């Protein structure tokens, strides 16, 4: 079982994913349900 990434890495990755999701949602308004989950 691989060790979990460092906290900073995890937060940075999560922020990157959020930004990517927001960008995708802005391009595809129908994806707002994905952000809500």
PDB file of N, CA and C in Angstrom:
ATOM      1  N   UNK A   1       0.852  -1.202   0.000  1.00  0.00           N
ATOM      2  CA  UNK A   1       0.000   0.000   0.000  1.00  0.00           C
ATOM      3  C   UNK A   1       0.885   1.249   0.000  1.00  0.00           C
ATOM      4  N   UNK A   2       0.741   2.088  -1.018  1.00  0.00           N
ATOM      5  CA  UNK A   2       1.597   3.287  -1.109  1.00  0.00           C
ATOM      6  C   UNK A   2       1.287   4.265   0.008  1.00  0.00           C
ATOM      7  N   UNK A   3       2.308   4.963   0.454  1.00  0.00           N
ATOM      8  CA  UNK A   3       2.105   5.943   1.529  1.00  0.00           C
ATOM      9  C   UNK A   3       1.357   7.158   0.981  1.00  0.00           C
ATOM     10  N   UNK A   4       0.518   7.776   1.794  1.00  0.00           N
ATOM     11  CA  UNK A   4      -0.233   8.957   1.334  1.00  0.00           C
ATOM     12  C   UNK A   4       0.708  10.107   1.021  1.00  0.00           C
ATOM     13  N   UNK A   5       0.350  10.956   0.071  1.00  0.00           N
ATOM     14  CA  UNK A   5       1.213  12.089  -0.284  1.00  0.00           C
ATOM     15  C   UNK A   5       1.276  13.089   0.858  1.00  0.00           C
ATOM     16  N   UNK A   6       2.331  13.904   0.907  1.00  0.00           N
ATOM     17  CA  UNK A   6       2.446  14.932   1.945  1.00  0.00           C
ATOM     18  C   UNK A   6       1.242  15.859   1.924  1.00  0.00           C
ATOM     19  N   UNK A   7       0.933  16.433   3.063  1.00  0.00           N
ATOM     20  CA  UNK A   7      -0.253  17.294   3.175  1.00  0.00           C
ATOM     21  C   UNK A   7      -0.222  18.408   2.121  1.00  0.00           C
ATOM     22  N   UNK A   8       0.920  19.043   1.966  1.00  0.00           N
ATOM     23  CA  UNK A   8       1.011  20.145   1.001  1.00  0.00           C
ATOM     24  C   UNK A   8       0.701  19.643  -0.405  1.00  0.00           C
ATOM     25  N   UNK A   9       1.261  18.494  -0.753  1.00  0.00           N
ATOM     26  CA  UNK A   9       1.003  17.933  -2.078  1.00  0.00           C
ATOM     27  C   UNK A   9      -0.485  17.671  -2.256  1.00  0.00           C
ATOM     28  N   UNK A  10      -1.104  17.108  -1.211  1.00  0.00           N
ATOM     29  CA  UNK A  10      -2.520  16.757  -1.283  1.00  0.00           C
ATOM     30  C   UNK A  10      -3.372  18.011  -1.481  1.00  0.00           C
ATOM     31  N   UNK A  11      -3.070  19.053  -0.701  1.00  0.00           N
ATOM     32  CA  UNK A  11      -3.852  20.293  -0.804  1.00  0.00           C
ATOM     33  C   UNK A  11      -3.671  20.912  -2.183  1.00  0.00           C
ATOM     34  N   UNK A  12      -2.417  20.919  -2.656  1.00  0.00           N
ATOM     35  CA  UNK A  12      -2.143  21.515  -3.966  1.00  0.00           C
ATOM     36  C   UNK A  12      -2.890  20.749  -5.049  1.00  0.00           C
ATOM     37  N   UNK A  13      -2.894  19.437  -4.937  1.00  0.00           N
ATOM     38  CA  UNK A  13      -3.570  18.607  -5.921  1.00  0.00           C
ATOM     39  C   UNK A  13      -5.067  18.866  -5.881  1.00  0.00           C
ATOM     40  N   UNK A  14      -5.614  18.949  -4.664  1.00  0.00           N
ATOM     41  CA  UNK A  14      -7.047  19.183  -4.522  1.00  0.00           C
ATOM     42  C   UNK A  14      -7.427  20.534  -5.115  1.00  0.00           C
ATOM     43  N   UNK A  15      -6.625  21.560  -4.850  1.00  0.00           N
ATOM     44  CA  UNK A  15      -6.916  22.886  -5.393  1.00  0.00           C
ATOM     45  C   UNK A  15      -6.855  22.852  -6.915  1.00  0.00           C
ATOM     46  N   UNK A  16      -5.886  22.128  -7.442  1.00  0.00           N
ATOM     47  CA  UNK A  16      -5.766  22.011  -8.893  1.00  0.00           C
ATOM     48  C   UNK A  16      -6.986  21.339  -9.487  1.00  0.00           C
ATOM     49  N   UNK A  17      -7.471  20.289  -8.817  1.00  0.00           N
ATOM     50  CA  UNK A  17      -8.649  19.580  -9.303  1.00  0.00           C
ATOM     51  C   UNK A  17      -9.872  20.485  -9.244  1.00  0.00           C
ATOM     52  N   UNK A  18     -10.005  21.250  -8.171  1.00  0.00           N
ATOM     53  CA  UNK A  18     -11.147  22.163  -8.040  1.00  0.00           C
ATOM     54  C   UNK A  18     -11.121  23.186  -9.168  1.00  0.00           C
ATOM     55  N   UNK A  19      -9.951  23.754  -9.422  1.00  0.00           N
ATOM     56  CA  UNK A  19      -9.834  24.752 -10.476  1.00  0.00           C
ATOM     57  C   UNK A  19     -10.188  24.135 -11.826  1.00  0.00           C
ATOM     58  N   UNK A  20      -9.719  22.907 -12.051  1.00  0.00           N
ATOM     59  CA  UNK A  20     -10.009  22.224 -13.308  1.00  0.00           C
ATOM     60  C   UNK A  20     -11.503  21.969 -13.439  1.00  0.00           C
ATOM     61  N   UNK A  21     -12.126  21.525 -12.346  1.00  0.00           N
ATOM     62  CA  UNK A  21     -13.568  21.277 -12.373  1.00  0.00           C
ATOM     63  C   UNK A  21     -14.323  22.569 -12.650  1.00  0.00           C
ATOM     64  N   UNK A  22     -13.910  23.652 -12.023  1.00  0.00           N
ATOM     65  CA  UNK A  22     -14.586  24.937 -12.234  1.00  0.00           C
ATOM     66  C   UNK A  22     -14.456  25.364 -13.692  1.00  0.00           C
ATOM     67  N   UNK A  23     -13.261  25.171 -14.260  1.00  0.00           N
ATOM     68  CA  UNK A  23     -13.047  25.559 -15.647  1.00  0.00           C
ATOM     69  C   UNK A  23     -13.917  24.713 -16.569  1.00  0.00           C
ATOM     70  N   UNK A  24     -13.973  23.410 -16.303  1.00  0.00           N
ATOM     71  CA  UNK A  24     -14.802  22.519 -17.112  1.00  0.00           C
ATOM     72  C   UNK A  24     -16.271  22.888 -16.972  1.00  0.00           C
ATOM     73  N   UNK A  25     -16.686  23.219 -15.747  1.00  0.00           N
ATOM     74  CA  UNK A  25     -18.088  23.561 -15.500  1.00  0.00           C
ATOM     75  C   UNK A  25     -18.454  24.851 -16.233  1.00  0.00           C
ATOM     76  N   UNK A  26     -17.533  25.798 -16.266  1.00  0.00           N
ATOM     77  CA  UNK A  26     -17.825  27.066 -16.931  1.00  0.00           C
ATOM     78  C   UNK A  26     -17.978  26.847 -18.437  1.00  0.00           C
ATOM     79  N   UNK A  27     -17.241  25.879 -18.978  1.00  0.00           N
ATOM     80  CA  UNK A  27     -17.360  25.573 -20.404  1.00  0.00           C
ATOM     81  C   UNK A  27     -18.610  24.744 -20.672  1.00  0.00           C
ATOM     82  N   UNK A  28     -18.986  23.900 -19.701  1.00  0.00           N
ATOM     83  CA  UNK A  28     -20.157  23.036 -19.851  1.00  0.00           C
ATOM     84  C   UNK A  28     -21.112  23.280 -18.682  1.00  0.00           C
ATOM     85  N   UNK A  29     -22.040  24.243 -18.814  1.00  0.00           N
ATOM     86  CA  UNK A  29     -22.954  24.590 -17.716  1.00  0.00           C
ATOM     87  C   UNK A  29     -23.732  23.387 -17.190  1.00  0.00           C
ATOM     88  N   UNK A  30     -23.927  22.372 -18.004  1.00  0.00           N
ATOM     89  CA  UNK A  30     -24.692  21.208 -17.578  1.00  0.00           C
ATOM     90  C   UNK A  30     -23.965  20.378 -16.532  1.00  0.00           C
ATOM     91  N   UNK A  31     -22.692  20.685 -16.277  1.00  0.00           N
ATOM     92  CA  UNK A  31     -21.900  19.882 -15.341  1.00  0.00           C
ATOM     93  C   UNK A  31     -21.958  20.416 -13.914  1.00  0.00           C
ATOM     94  N   UNK A  32     -22.835  21.360 -13.631  1.00  0.00           N
ATOM     95  CA  UNK A  32     -22.899  21.920 -12.281  1.00  0.00           C
ATOM     96  C   UNK A  32     -23.220  20.842 -11.253  1.00  0.00           C
ATOM     97  N   UNK A  33     -23.924  19.795 -11.663  1.00  0.00           N
ATOM     98  CA  UNK A  33     -24.262  18.722 -10.725  1.00  0.00           C
ATOM     99  C   UNK A  33     -22.992  18.008 -10.274  1.00  0.00           C
ATOM    100  N   UNK A  34     -21.982  17.950 -11.126  1.00  0.00           N
ATOM    101  CA  UNK A  34     -20.730  17.285 -10.769  1.00  0.00           C
ATOM    102  C   UNK A  34     -20.048  18.046  -9.635  1.00  0.00           C
ATOM    103  N   UNK A  35     -20.084  19.378  -9.705  1.00  0.00           N
ATOM    104  CA  UNK A  35     -19.457  20.183  -8.657  1.00  0.00           C
ATOM    105  C   UNK A  35     -20.212  20.049  -7.345  1.00  0.00           C
ATOM    106  N   UNK A  36     -21.520  19.878  -7.432  1.00  0.00           N
ATOM    107  CA  UNK A  36     -22.336  19.819  -6.215  1.00  0.00           C
ATOM    108  C   UNK A  36     -22.035  18.557  -5.420  1.00  0.00           C
ATOM    109  N   UNK A  37     -21.646  17.495  -6.091  1.00  0.00           N
ATOM    110  CA  UNK A  37     -21.411  16.224  -5.399  1.00  0.00           C
ATOM    111  C   UNK A  37     -20.110  16.245  -4.606  1.00  0.00           C
TER     112      UNK A  37
END
